[in-house]
Amino acid sequence: MGIVVWDGFLLQAQTNSTQQEIVMNTKQSSSQALDSSNLQGDIRGGAISFLVAVPLCLGIALASGAPLFAGIIAGIVGGVIVGIFSRSALSISGPEAGLIVVTLSAIQALGSFPAFLLAMCIAGLIQIGLGFARAGIVSNFFPSSVIKGMLAGIGIILILKQLPHLVGYDADAAEGFALFQPGGFNIIEQLHMAVGQFSGVAILIALASLGIFYLWEKPAFKKQAIIKNIPAALVVVVLGICINELVRATFPQWVLKGNHVVQLPVPENAMAFFQLFTLPDFSQWTNPLVYTSAVAIALVASLEALLAIEASDELDPLKRKTPANHELKAQGIGNLVSGLIGGIPLTSVIVRSSVSINAGARTKLAALIHGTLLLVCVITLPTLLNKIPWASLAAILLVTGYKLARIEIVKAVFAEGISKFIPFVVTVLAILLTDLLTGIGIGMVTGIFFVLRDHYQNTHRVRTEWDRDRKRIHVSLGEHVSFLSKAKLMKLLKSVPDDAIVEIDGSGSSYIDSDVITAIQNFGTSAKQRNIQLIFLPGKVTDQSPVLPSKEFINTYRRNGSQLHLQS
């Protein structure tokens, strides 16, 4: 009883310490937000992620079968509304490629976009409910090797998907995560078609952009105060616009236009701007398809969000931890608001978050800046934004992909051991060959297999010695002895010779499954027929780990001067 009380005291002390640490981290984050160096990094991160977000919001809306402006609305809500309510330091929310299929299917099933918006509102309420139900605990079961594999897989896909855009073939949305499209149009076919439809101007812009990124990483450039405070990605965008406008003035037949540049809706007046917004069709509240669609949207968006915040926390230089349950509530509020004003579903987006982090963002102010810039520039500068070439944005995403999948990360995971490296590789390959969620699922199964394998191999340690003329076998049980340990332990006990002494030491175990206890008791019953002396030292006694053997088991072995040693 004393142990239980003492453990409870320790647990309470640990909890209080954790709470104090969280409070200290929160205060530290607040003070850091006022730091000038953090402010500069957040402005850079918000601005660059905004530039990347504009075409991606449009591309995902187009692929989802929704109005183009619905993607912009989701981007604004994800940056501003979710940014306000979220406690994630670096995650940026908005439309995400993983939601394309569920969005397109729901719109087609419901027959109208306003009916779909009602389903979105309900999905947001479901996510808020999941947050209050503490469903965010699911994020604690994502192995780090799978998260790193997910990031590397996304990085490789980003690199491959940008290659056609770098040469001027802009037929596919840049943020899609499926190498093999449903229609069979895959990245290999895209590259083949890009060879015959390349643009010299796009190639020039791409090479100049990559050159800027290379120079910006050189120590000689980093030492320059002016260059240090100007993000390379911003220079890339400005350079791309300047090159294309120069070509327009000198060789207009070669200028990049149409689908080679950003295509943002340009309203002629205030009335036309407000007509871009769509309201939900509340008359569809009796349609059962609305609710099934809402559940599908809520589940996919929630899982994507939990995965994304784990990934952004992994990329965070300060290694802060996002409260998952609160994030579900913030995402739910975002989807509710987005649905009410005509946006498509949103979630935390790894690509935008990593772009922001690479640009120097350190607080969630970057997400707020990202959303605010989307709102302001869509209203005031849509024509200027429509001059940005895809080739410039592709260069930004390619560099982001490289940083997510660089060889140093692979070497670091390999150094952690085969049980970490294989799930990492399987996750990467599965994402490349299927899609993001399926690939993560396959990686999770692989990771669980290696966890079970390691658990099975480390169930106990055996030491054999001689006590006069009797063989003494000392078995030390592991910290967690689950039912999976039963088979291996029984195999060992069956191999014990007659007249031996067997010591089963569970003093270092915090949990011993009742099936294992029963197996030891059964062995004890048969052992006396073979003159085997059994000494069993159970571990801690808790309600969750029934490690005490039965009274019959204790009485059986209080004979011949031997006794069962109990550790309380």
Protein backbone atom coordinates (compact mmCIF):
# COMPACT_ATOMS: atom_id res chain seq x y z
CA MET A 1 0.00 0.00 0.00
CA GLY A 2 2.93 2.25 0.81
CA ILE A 3 4.34 1.63 -2.64
CA VAL A 4 1.05 2.53 -4.30
CA VAL A 5 0.83 5.74 -2.28
CA TRP A 6 4.46 6.53 -3.04
CA ASP A 7 3.95 5.87 -6.76
CA GLY A 8 0.88 8.07 -6.66
CA PHE A 9 2.93 10.82 -5.02
CA LEU A 10 5.63 10.47 -7.64
CA LEU A 11 3.06 10.52 -10.43
CA GLN A 12 1.45 13.62 -8.96
CA ALA A 13 4.83 15.27 -8.62
CA GLN A 14 5.65 14.42 -12.21
CA THR A 15 2.28 15.78 -13.35
CA ASN A 16 2.79 19.04 -11.47
CA SER A 17 6.27 19.33 -12.91
CA THR A 18 4.92 18.80 -16.40
CA GLN A 19 2.22 21.43 -15.86
CA GLN A 20 4.83 23.90 -14.62
CA GLU A 21 6.98 23.12 -17.63
CA ILE A 22 4.03 23.73 -19.97
CA VAL A 23 3.27 27.05 -18.25
CA MET A 24 6.93 28.05 -18.49
CA ASN A 25 7.06 27.06 -22.16
CA THR A 26 3.86 29.03 -22.82
CA LYS A 27 5.28 32.12 -21.12
CA GLN A 28 8.54 31.63 -22.97
CA SER A 29 6.71 31.35 -26.28
CA SER A 30 4.80 34.55 -25.52
CA SER A 31 7.97 36.44 -24.74
CA GLN A 32 9.66 34.99 -27.81
CA ALA A 33 6.82 36.31 -29.96
CA LEU A 34 7.89 39.84 -28.96
CA ASP A 35 11.55 39.16 -29.75
CA SER A 36 12.68 41.06 -32.85
CA SER A 37 14.58 38.10 -34.30
CA ASN A 38 11.52 35.87 -33.95
CA LEU A 39 9.33 38.57 -35.45
CA GLN A 40 11.51 38.79 -38.54
CA GLY A 41 11.49 35.02 -38.93
CA ASP A 42 7.71 34.85 -38.49
CA ILE A 43 7.19 37.57 -41.11
CA ARG A 44 9.43 35.70 -43.55
CA GLY A 45 7.74 32.38 -42.81
CA GLY A 46 4.23 33.81 -43.13
CA ALA A 47 5.05 35.65 -46.36
CA ILE A 48 6.69 32.69 -48.08
CA SER A 49 4.01 30.21 -47.03
CA PHE A 50 1.42 32.71 -48.30
CA LEU A 51 3.07 32.82 -51.74
CA VAL A 52 3.15 29.02 -51.89
CA ALA A 53 -0.42 28.74 -50.59
CA VAL A 54 -2.11 30.85 -53.28
CA PRO A 55 -1.69 28.43 -56.22
CA LEU A 56 -2.10 25.39 -54.01
CA CYS A 57 -5.43 26.62 -52.63
CA LEU A 58 -6.63 27.14 -56.18
CA GLY A 59 -5.30 23.81 -57.45
CA ILE A 60 -6.85 21.78 -54.63
CA ALA A 61 -10.20 23.55 -55.05
CA LEU A 62 -10.13 22.78 -58.78
CA ALA A 63 -9.24 19.11 -58.17
CA SER A 64 -12.00 18.87 -55.54
CA GLY A 65 -14.71 20.01 -57.95
CA ALA A 66 -15.34 23.18 -55.91
CA PRO A 67 -15.29 26.87 -56.95
CA LEU A 68 -11.71 28.20 -57.13
CA PHE A 69 -12.39 30.91 -54.57
CA ALA A 70 -13.48 28.24 -52.07
CA GLY A 71 -9.84 27.20 -51.82
CA ILE A 72 -8.78 30.78 -51.03
CA ILE A 73 -11.47 31.03 -48.34
CA ALA A 74 -10.19 27.84 -46.71
CA GLY A 75 -6.64 29.20 -46.80
CA ILE A 76 -7.69 32.45 -45.12
CA VAL A 77 -9.73 30.66 -42.45
CA GLY A 78 -6.92 28.15 -41.86
CA GLY A 79 -4.40 30.93 -41.32
CA VAL A 80 -6.47 33.41 -39.31
CA ILE A 81 -9.24 31.49 -37.51
CA VAL A 82 -7.35 28.25 -36.82
CA GLY A 83 -4.23 30.31 -36.14
CA ILE A 84 -6.07 32.17 -33.38
CA PHE A 85 -7.52 29.09 -31.67
CA SER A 86 -4.67 26.62 -32.23
CA ARG A 87 -1.91 26.12 -29.68
CA SER A 88 0.49 24.75 -32.27
CA ALA A 89 3.57 26.94 -32.51
CA LEU A 90 4.38 26.31 -36.17
CA SER A 91 1.56 24.42 -37.89
CA ILE A 92 -0.27 26.23 -40.71
CA SER A 93 -3.72 25.08 -41.79
CA GLY A 94 -5.54 25.25 -45.10
CA PRO A 95 -6.77 23.04 -47.96
CA GLU A 96 -4.79 19.81 -48.23
CA ALA A 97 -4.41 17.29 -51.05
CA GLY A 98 -5.39 14.39 -48.78
CA LEU A 99 -8.91 15.84 -48.56
CA ILE A 100 -9.45 16.02 -52.34
CA VAL A 101 -11.00 12.56 -52.70
CA VAL A 102 -13.43 12.88 -49.78
CA THR A 103 -14.42 16.40 -50.89
CA LEU A 104 -14.98 15.45 -54.53
CA SER A 105 -16.95 12.33 -53.54
CA ALA A 106 -19.16 14.28 -51.12
CA ILE A 107 -19.93 17.04 -53.64
CA GLN A 108 -20.86 14.45 -56.28
CA ALA A 109 -22.98 12.45 -53.81
CA LEU A 110 -24.86 15.50 -52.51
CA GLY A 111 -25.35 17.02 -55.95
CA SER A 112 -24.59 20.62 -55.02
CA PHE A 113 -21.84 22.66 -53.40
CA PRO A 114 -24.19 24.44 -50.90
CA ALA A 115 -25.37 21.04 -49.61
CA PHE A 116 -21.73 20.03 -49.24
CA LEU A 117 -21.09 23.18 -47.18
CA LEU A 118 -23.76 22.04 -44.69
CA ALA A 119 -21.91 18.71 -44.36
CA MET A 120 -18.72 20.68 -43.73
CA CYS A 121 -20.34 22.63 -40.91
CA ILE A 122 -21.47 19.39 -39.28
CA ALA A 123 -17.99 17.92 -39.79
CA GLY A 124 -16.55 20.89 -37.90
CA LEU A 125 -18.92 20.25 -35.00
CA ILE A 126 -17.90 16.57 -35.00
CA GLN A 127 -14.22 17.56 -34.80
CA ILE A 128 -14.95 19.87 -31.87
CA GLY A 129 -16.73 16.95 -30.19
CA LEU A 130 -13.73 14.69 -30.84
CA GLY A 131 -11.54 17.27 -29.14
CA PHE A 132 -13.74 17.31 -26.04
CA ALA A 133 -13.81 13.49 -26.13
CA ARG A 134 -9.98 13.57 -25.99
CA ALA A 135 -9.63 11.62 -29.23
CA GLY A 136 -6.31 13.37 -29.81
CA ILE A 137 -4.64 10.65 -27.74
CA VAL A 138 -4.37 8.73 -31.02
CA SER A 139 -1.41 10.94 -31.94
CA ASN A 140 0.61 9.41 -29.09
CA PHE A 141 0.69 6.09 -30.93
CA PHE A 142 2.44 7.33 -34.09
CA PRO A 143 6.01 5.90 -34.06
CA SER A 144 8.69 8.53 -34.69
CA SER A 145 10.15 6.41 -37.50
CA VAL A 146 6.80 6.51 -39.32
CA ILE A 147 6.51 10.29 -38.87
CA LYS A 148 10.03 10.75 -40.25
CA GLY A 149 9.19 8.37 -43.10
CA MET A 150 6.05 10.39 -43.84
CA LEU A 151 8.09 13.60 -44.03
CA ALA A 152 10.72 12.00 -46.26
CA GLY A 153 8.06 10.49 -48.53
CA ILE A 154 6.35 13.86 -48.89
CA GLY A 155 9.73 15.43 -49.61
CA ILE A 156 10.50 12.96 -52.41
CA ILE A 157 7.04 13.42 -53.93
CA LEU A 158 7.42 17.20 -53.79
CA ILE A 159 10.70 16.92 -55.68
CA LEU A 160 9.30 14.59 -58.34
CA LYS A 161 6.08 16.54 -58.76
CA GLN A 162 7.93 19.81 -59.32
CA LEU A 163 10.13 18.54 -62.16
CA PRO A 164 7.45 19.08 -64.86
CA HIS A 165 6.73 22.57 -63.51
CA LEU A 166 10.43 23.45 -63.62
CA VAL A 167 10.42 22.96 -67.40
CA GLY A 168 7.07 24.65 -67.95
CA TYR A 169 4.63 21.74 -68.05
CA ASP A 170 1.92 22.85 -65.61
CA ALA A 171 -0.90 20.35 -66.10
CA ASP A 172 -1.04 19.03 -62.53
CA ALA A 173 -1.62 20.61 -59.12
CA ALA A 174 1.72 20.89 -57.32
CA GLU A 175 0.58 19.63 -53.91
CA GLY A 176 -0.96 16.33 -54.91
CA PHE A 177 0.56 13.40 -53.01
CA ALA A 178 -0.37 10.57 -55.38
CA LEU A 179 2.32 9.61 -57.88
CA PHE A 180 -0.17 7.31 -59.59
CA GLN A 181 -3.34 9.24 -60.36
CA PRO A 182 -6.74 7.46 -60.49
CA GLY A 183 -6.82 7.88 -64.28
CA GLY A 184 -3.42 6.25 -64.68
CA PHE A 185 -1.70 9.60 -65.39
CA ASN A 186 1.42 9.28 -63.27
CA ILE A 187 4.63 11.23 -62.74
CA ILE A 188 6.55 9.20 -65.35
CA GLU A 189 4.00 10.09 -68.02
CA GLN A 190 4.09 13.72 -66.91
CA LEU A 191 7.87 13.85 -67.28
CA HIS A 192 7.62 12.22 -70.71
CA MET A 193 5.06 14.80 -71.87
CA ALA A 194 7.04 17.64 -70.31
CA VAL A 195 10.03 16.82 -72.53
CA GLY A 196 7.97 17.64 -75.61
CA GLN A 197 6.23 20.69 -74.12
CA PHE A 198 8.99 22.47 -72.26
CA SER A 199 9.36 26.24 -72.06
CA GLY A 200 12.76 27.89 -72.25
CA VAL A 201 11.56 30.79 -70.11
CA ALA A 202 10.30 28.44 -67.38
CA ILE A 203 13.62 26.58 -67.39
CA LEU A 204 15.51 29.88 -67.14
CA ILE A 205 13.35 31.01 -64.20
CA ALA A 206 13.74 27.62 -62.49
CA LEU A 207 17.54 27.56 -62.86
CA ALA A 208 17.85 31.16 -61.68
CA SER A 209 15.60 30.36 -58.69
CA LEU A 210 17.61 27.29 -57.68
CA GLY A 211 20.77 29.36 -58.08
CA ILE A 212 19.37 31.93 -55.64
CA PHE A 213 18.66 29.21 -53.07
CA TYR A 214 22.19 27.83 -53.52
CA LEU A 215 23.86 31.23 -53.10
CA TRP A 216 21.71 32.11 -50.08
CA GLU A 217 23.12 29.07 -48.26
CA LYS A 218 26.76 30.03 -48.88
CA PRO A 219 28.55 31.45 -45.81
CA ALA A 220 29.77 34.47 -47.78
CA PHE A 221 26.18 35.48 -48.55
CA LYS A 222 24.89 34.69 -45.06
CA LYS A 223 27.36 37.17 -43.58
CA GLN A 224 25.80 40.06 -45.51
CA ALA A 225 23.26 41.84 -43.28
CA ILE A 226 20.92 42.78 -46.13
CA ILE A 227 20.88 39.31 -47.65
CA LYS A 228 20.48 37.67 -44.23
CA ASN A 229 17.20 39.51 -43.63
CA ILE A 230 15.71 38.84 -47.08
CA PRO A 231 14.32 35.31 -47.55
CA ALA A 232 15.57 33.52 -50.64
CA ALA A 233 12.04 32.43 -51.55
CA LEU A 234 10.87 36.05 -51.75
CA VAL A 235 13.78 36.90 -54.06
CA VAL A 236 12.87 33.86 -56.17
CA VAL A 237 9.27 35.06 -56.61
CA VAL A 238 10.30 38.64 -57.47
CA LEU A 239 12.99 37.39 -59.86
CA GLY A 240 10.49 35.10 -61.60
CA ILE A 241 8.04 37.96 -62.13
CA CYS A 242 10.81 40.26 -63.42
CA ILE A 243 12.17 37.69 -65.89
CA ASN A 244 8.71 36.91 -67.26
CA GLU A 245 7.80 40.61 -67.58
CA LEU A 246 11.11 41.27 -69.35
CA VAL A 247 10.28 38.48 -71.78
CA ARG A 248 6.81 39.98 -72.26
CA ALA A 249 8.39 43.29 -73.26
CA THR A 250 11.03 41.82 -75.58
CA PHE A 251 9.76 38.45 -76.85
CA PRO A 252 6.00 38.41 -76.15
CA GLN A 253 5.52 35.13 -78.01
CA TRP A 254 7.56 33.33 -75.32
CA VAL A 255 5.95 34.88 -72.25
CA LEU A 256 4.52 32.55 -69.60
CA LYS A 257 0.76 32.97 -69.26
CA GLY A 258 -2.43 31.00 -68.71
CA ASN A 259 -1.81 27.88 -66.64
CA HIS A 260 1.93 28.71 -66.42
CA VAL A 261 1.22 31.46 -63.88
CA VAL A 262 -1.00 31.83 -60.81
CA GLN A 263 -4.66 32.22 -61.76
CA LEU A 264 -6.58 34.01 -59.01
CA PRO A 265 -10.18 35.22 -59.49
CA VAL A 266 -10.21 38.99 -60.06
CA PRO A 267 -13.56 40.59 -59.04
CA GLU A 268 -14.38 43.86 -60.80
CA ASN A 269 -16.10 45.49 -57.81
CA ALA A 270 -17.16 44.91 -54.20
CA MET A 271 -20.43 43.30 -55.25
CA ALA A 272 -18.59 40.84 -57.49
CA PHE A 273 -16.22 40.04 -54.63
CA PHE A 274 -19.00 39.13 -52.20
CA GLN A 275 -20.67 37.03 -54.88
CA LEU A 276 -17.65 34.72 -54.69
CA PHE A 277 -18.88 33.55 -51.26
CA THR A 278 -21.42 30.68 -51.05
CA LEU A 279 -23.73 29.92 -48.12
CA PRO A 280 -24.72 26.40 -46.93
CA ASP A 281 -28.05 24.94 -47.97
CA PHE A 282 -29.64 24.36 -44.56
CA SER A 283 -32.73 22.85 -46.20
CA GLN A 284 -30.64 19.68 -46.72
CA TRP A 285 -30.46 18.96 -42.98
CA THR A 286 -32.84 15.98 -43.41
CA ASN A 287 -30.64 14.41 -46.11
CA PRO A 288 -28.83 11.39 -44.56
CA LEU A 289 -26.00 11.73 -47.10
CA VAL A 290 -25.12 15.05 -45.48
CA TYR A 291 -24.31 13.28 -42.22
CA THR A 292 -22.36 10.39 -43.76
CA SER A 293 -20.32 12.92 -45.74
CA ALA A 294 -19.76 14.96 -42.58
CA VAL A 295 -18.42 11.94 -40.70
CA ALA A 296 -16.04 11.10 -43.56
CA ILE A 297 -14.76 14.68 -43.77
CA ALA A 298 -14.32 14.91 -39.98
CA LEU A 299 -12.40 11.64 -39.68
CA VAL A 300 -10.04 12.26 -42.60
CA ALA A 301 -9.42 15.91 -41.67
CA SER A 302 -8.80 14.97 -38.01
CA LEU A 303 -6.34 12.21 -38.85
CA GLU A 304 -4.51 14.48 -41.31
CA ALA A 305 -4.34 17.19 -38.64
CA LEU A 306 -2.94 14.86 -35.97
CA LEU A 307 -0.31 13.56 -38.38
CA ALA A 308 0.61 17.07 -39.49
CA ILE A 309 1.06 18.47 -35.98
CA GLU A 310 3.25 15.50 -35.09
CA ALA A 311 5.33 16.28 -38.19
CA SER A 312 5.53 20.03 -37.50
CA ASP A 313 6.51 19.31 -33.88
CA GLU A 314 9.24 17.05 -35.26
CA LEU A 315 10.51 19.92 -37.45
CA ASP A 316 10.27 22.50 -34.66
CA PRO A 317 13.82 23.58 -33.67
CA LEU A 318 12.53 24.20 -30.12
CA LYS A 319 10.79 20.76 -30.00
CA ARG A 320 7.54 22.11 -28.55
CA LYS A 321 4.57 19.75 -28.21
CA THR A 322 1.14 20.63 -29.60
CA PRO A 323 -1.85 19.58 -27.42
CA ALA A 324 -3.68 17.24 -29.80
CA ASN A 325 -7.15 17.52 -28.27
CA HIS A 326 -7.09 21.30 -28.42
CA GLU A 327 -5.89 21.12 -32.02
CA LEU A 328 -8.93 19.03 -32.96
CA LYS A 329 -11.16 21.74 -31.49
CA ALA A 330 -9.30 24.45 -33.42
CA GLN A 331 -9.55 22.48 -36.66
CA GLY A 332 -13.26 21.92 -36.02
CA ILE A 333 -13.85 25.64 -35.53
CA GLY A 334 -11.94 26.28 -38.76
CA ASN A 335 -14.02 23.84 -40.79
CA LEU A 336 -17.25 25.17 -39.26
CA VAL A 337 -16.37 28.75 -40.24
CA SER A 338 -15.08 27.69 -43.67
CA GLY A 339 -18.32 25.81 -44.35
CA LEU A 340 -20.45 28.77 -43.27
CA ILE A 341 -18.83 31.18 -45.77
CA GLY A 342 -18.20 28.87 -48.72
CA GLY A 343 -14.77 27.31 -48.23
CA ILE A 344 -13.58 23.75 -48.76
CA PRO A 345 -12.35 21.50 -45.90
CA LEU A 346 -9.09 22.42 -44.24
CA THR A 347 -6.58 20.75 -41.99
CA SER A 348 -3.03 21.27 -40.78
CA VAL A 349 -0.77 21.18 -43.85
CA ILE A 350 2.75 19.76 -43.65
CA VAL A 351 4.05 21.43 -46.82
CA ARG A 352 3.08 24.97 -45.83
CA SER A 353 4.29 24.41 -42.26
CA SER A 354 7.69 23.15 -43.42
CA VAL A 355 8.05 26.03 -45.91
CA SER A 356 7.33 28.47 -43.08
CA ILE A 357 9.77 26.76 -40.71
CA ASN A 358 12.52 26.71 -43.34
CA ALA A 359 11.98 30.44 -43.88
CA GLY A 360 12.61 31.11 -40.17
CA ALA A 361 9.17 31.00 -38.49
CA ARG A 362 9.29 30.31 -34.76
CA THR A 363 5.78 31.16 -33.45
CA LYS A 364 2.19 30.89 -34.64
CA LEU A 365 2.34 34.54 -35.68
CA ALA A 366 3.58 33.17 -39.02
CA ALA A 367 0.24 31.38 -39.54
CA LEU A 368 -1.67 34.57 -38.74
CA ILE A 369 0.49 36.56 -41.17
CA HIS A 370 -0.02 33.88 -43.82
CA GLY A 371 -3.82 34.09 -43.50
CA THR A 372 -3.91 37.88 -43.27
CA LEU A 373 -1.75 38.29 -46.39
CA LEU A 374 -4.07 35.93 -48.26
CA LEU A 375 -7.07 38.05 -47.29
CA VAL A 376 -5.45 41.44 -48.00
CA CYS A 377 -3.76 40.49 -51.27
CA VAL A 378 -6.80 38.68 -52.67
CA ILE A 379 -8.77 41.90 -52.13
CA THR A 380 -6.15 44.43 -53.20
CA LEU A 381 -3.47 42.76 -55.36
CA PRO A 382 -4.97 39.83 -57.30
CA THR A 383 -3.55 41.09 -60.61
CA LEU A 384 0.00 41.23 -59.22
CA LEU A 385 -0.28 37.74 -57.73
CA ASN A 386 -1.39 36.44 -61.12
CA LYS A 387 2.03 37.38 -62.51
CA ILE A 388 3.87 34.78 -60.37
CA PRO A 389 5.18 31.94 -62.60
CA TRP A 390 4.60 28.34 -61.54
CA ALA A 391 8.31 27.71 -62.14
CA SER A 392 9.23 30.03 -59.25
CA LEU A 393 6.85 28.30 -56.85
CA ALA A 394 8.01 24.88 -58.05
CA ALA A 395 11.59 25.82 -57.16
CA ILE A 396 10.48 26.79 -53.63
CA LEU A 397 8.64 23.47 -53.19
CA LEU A 398 11.54 21.48 -54.64
CA VAL A 399 13.95 22.97 -52.10
CA THR A 400 11.41 22.30 -49.34
CA GLY A 401 11.17 18.68 -50.51
CA TYR A 402 14.94 18.33 -50.44
CA LYS A 403 15.10 19.57 -46.85
CA LEU A 404 12.44 17.04 -45.82
CA ALA A 405 14.20 14.09 -47.49
CA ARG A 406 17.89 14.94 -47.34
CA ILE A 407 20.34 12.06 -46.97
CA GLU A 408 21.40 13.14 -43.45
CA ILE A 409 17.93 12.24 -42.17
CA VAL A 410 18.14 8.76 -43.71
CA LYS A 411 21.57 8.20 -42.13
CA ALA A 412 20.31 9.32 -38.72
CA VAL A 413 17.36 6.90 -38.81
CA PHE A 414 19.63 4.07 -39.98
CA ALA A 415 21.91 4.73 -37.01
CA GLU A 416 18.95 4.14 -34.66
CA GLY A 417 18.78 0.47 -35.68
CA ILE A 418 16.96 -1.84 -38.04
CA SER A 419 13.72 -1.73 -36.04
CA LYS A 420 13.51 2.01 -36.78
CA PHE A 421 14.97 2.00 -40.28
CA ILE A 422 12.70 -0.63 -41.88
CA PRO A 423 9.42 1.09 -40.83
CA PHE A 424 10.94 4.35 -42.08
CA VAL A 425 11.76 2.87 -45.51
CA VAL A 426 8.44 1.01 -45.76
CA THR A 427 6.53 4.21 -44.97
CA VAL A 428 8.43 6.15 -47.64
CA LEU A 429 7.90 3.48 -50.31
CA ALA A 430 4.24 2.95 -49.39
CA ILE A 431 3.51 6.67 -49.65
CA LEU A 432 5.26 6.82 -53.03
CA LEU A 433 3.34 3.82 -54.38
CA THR A 434 -0.11 4.48 -52.87
CA ASP A 435 -1.19 7.70 -51.15
CA LEU A 436 -0.45 9.54 -47.93
CA LEU A 437 -2.94 7.91 -45.55
CA THR A 438 -2.54 4.40 -46.99
CA GLY A 439 1.24 4.72 -46.84
CA ILE A 440 1.13 5.85 -43.22
CA GLY A 441 -1.19 2.95 -42.39
CA ILE A 442 1.25 0.46 -43.93
CA GLY A 443 4.11 2.12 -42.07
CA MET A 444 2.16 1.90 -38.80
CA VAL A 445 1.56 -1.83 -39.27
CA THR A 446 5.27 -2.34 -39.98
CA GLY A 447 6.25 -0.29 -36.94
CA ILE A 448 3.87 -2.25 -34.71
CA PHE A 449 5.37 -5.50 -36.00
CA PHE A 450 8.86 -4.44 -34.94
CA VAL A 451 7.58 -3.23 -31.57
CA LEU A 452 6.03 -6.65 -30.98
CA ARG A 453 9.18 -8.39 -32.23
CA ASP A 454 11.41 -6.39 -29.91
CA HIS A 455 8.97 -7.00 -27.07
CA TYR A 456 9.02 -10.75 -27.74
CA GLN A 457 12.81 -10.86 -27.87
CA ASN A 458 13.22 -8.90 -24.64
CA THR A 459 10.67 -10.68 -22.45
CA HIS A 460 13.29 -12.13 -20.13
CA ARG A 461 16.97 -12.86 -19.55
CA VAL A 462 18.31 -16.24 -18.45
CA ARG A 463 21.38 -17.02 -16.32
CA THR A 464 22.38 -20.62 -15.50
CA GLU A 465 24.69 -21.76 -12.66
CA TRP A 466 25.21 -24.78 -10.38
CA ASP A 467 24.16 -24.94 -6.72
CA ARG A 468 26.19 -27.93 -5.49
CA ASP A 469 24.83 -30.76 -7.58
CA ARG A 470 21.63 -28.98 -8.70
CA LYS A 471 21.23 -26.78 -11.74
CA ARG A 472 19.98 -23.29 -10.86
CA ILE A 473 18.22 -21.30 -13.61
CA HIS A 474 17.64 -17.60 -12.91
CA VAL A 475 15.00 -15.94 -15.14
CA SER A 476 14.76 -12.12 -14.98
CA LEU A 477 11.48 -10.86 -16.44
CA GLY A 478 11.34 -7.64 -18.46
CA GLU A 479 9.66 -4.40 -17.41
CA HIS A 480 6.42 -5.14 -19.29
CA VAL A 481 5.45 -8.82 -19.46
CA SER A 482 2.35 -9.08 -21.64
CA PHE A 483 0.51 -12.16 -22.88
CA LEU A 484 2.88 -12.10 -25.88
CA SER A 485 5.66 -13.22 -23.54
CA LYS A 486 3.82 -16.38 -22.51
CA ALA A 487 4.90 -18.61 -25.42
CA LYS A 488 8.60 -17.87 -25.11
CA LEU A 489 8.56 -18.24 -21.32
CA MET A 490 6.69 -21.55 -21.50
CA LYS A 491 9.21 -22.86 -24.03
CA LEU A 492 11.98 -22.06 -21.56
CA LEU A 493 10.19 -23.68 -18.60
CA LYS A 494 9.50 -26.87 -20.55
CA SER A 495 13.24 -27.22 -21.17
CA VAL A 496 14.08 -27.15 -17.43
CA PRO A 497 15.63 -30.51 -16.38
CA ASP A 498 14.43 -32.53 -13.39
CA ASP A 499 15.78 -31.70 -9.91
CA ALA A 500 16.60 -28.11 -10.96
CA ILE A 501 16.03 -24.86 -9.10
CA VAL A 502 14.14 -22.19 -11.04
CA GLU A 503 14.10 -18.55 -9.93
CA ILE A 504 11.63 -16.32 -11.79
CA ASP A 505 12.47 -12.75 -10.85
CA GLY A 506 9.75 -10.21 -11.62
CA SER A 507 10.99 -7.58 -9.18
CA GLY A 508 11.93 -5.31 -12.08
CA SER A 509 8.56 -5.66 -13.78
CA SER A 510 5.96 -2.92 -13.61
CA TYR A 511 3.38 -5.11 -15.34
CA ILE A 512 2.94 -8.89 -15.54
CA ASP A 513 -0.07 -10.17 -17.44
CA SER A 514 -2.42 -12.55 -15.62
CA ASP A 515 -1.95 -15.12 -18.43
CA VAL A 516 1.76 -15.24 -17.61
CA ILE A 517 0.98 -15.63 -13.89
CA THR A 518 -1.36 -18.51 -14.69
CA ALA A 519 1.31 -20.14 -16.88
CA ILE A 520 3.83 -19.93 -14.01
CA GLN A 521 1.28 -21.40 -11.61
CA ASN A 522 0.59 -24.29 -13.98
CA PHE A 523 4.30 -24.91 -14.32
CA GLY A 524 4.58 -24.93 -10.53
CA THR A 525 1.91 -27.62 -10.30
CA SER A 526 3.75 -29.91 -12.70
CA ALA A 527 7.21 -29.00 -11.38
CA LYS A 528 6.74 -30.77 -8.03
CA GLN A 529 6.26 -34.05 -9.91
CA ARG A 530 9.81 -33.57 -11.26
CA ASN A 531 11.39 -32.37 -8.00
CA ILE A 532 11.85 -28.86 -9.43
CA GLN A 533 12.08 -26.11 -6.82
CA LEU A 534 10.39 -22.89 -7.97
CA ILE A 535 11.09 -19.47 -6.47
CA PHE A 536 8.96 -16.64 -7.82
CA LEU A 537 9.59 -12.96 -7.03
CA PRO A 538 6.65 -10.88 -8.31
CA GLY A 539 6.96 -7.22 -9.19
CA LYS A 540 4.96 -4.25 -7.98
CA VAL A 541 1.40 -4.85 -6.87
CA THR A 542 -1.07 -2.59 -8.66
CA ASP A 543 -4.68 -2.85 -9.75
CA GLN A 544 -3.55 -2.94 -13.37
CA SER A 545 -0.89 -5.64 -12.95
CA PRO A 546 -2.17 -8.69 -11.04
CA VAL A 547 1.28 -10.05 -10.29
CA LEU A 548 0.47 -11.83 -7.02
CA PRO A 549 0.11 -15.60 -7.42
CA SER A 550 -2.79 -17.40 -5.79
CA LYS A 551 -2.74 -18.54 -2.15
CA GLU A 552 -2.65 -22.16 -3.34
CA PHE A 553 0.46 -21.37 -5.34
CA ILE A 554 2.13 -19.80 -2.30
CA ASN A 555 1.24 -22.69 0.02
CA THR A 556 2.46 -25.29 -2.47
CA TYR A 557 6.00 -23.98 -2.36
CA ARG A 558 6.34 -23.32 1.35
CA ARG A 559 7.89 -26.71 1.85
CA ASN A 560 11.32 -28.31 2.20
CA GLY A 561 12.76 -25.09 3.58
CA SER A 562 12.06 -23.15 0.36
CA GLN A 563 9.66 -20.27 0.18
CA LEU A 564 8.10 -17.91 -2.29
CA HIS A 565 9.68 -14.50 -1.97
CA LEU A 566 7.10 -11.74 -2.20
CA GLN A 567 8.16 -8.19 -2.96
CA SER A 568 5.58 -5.61 -1.88
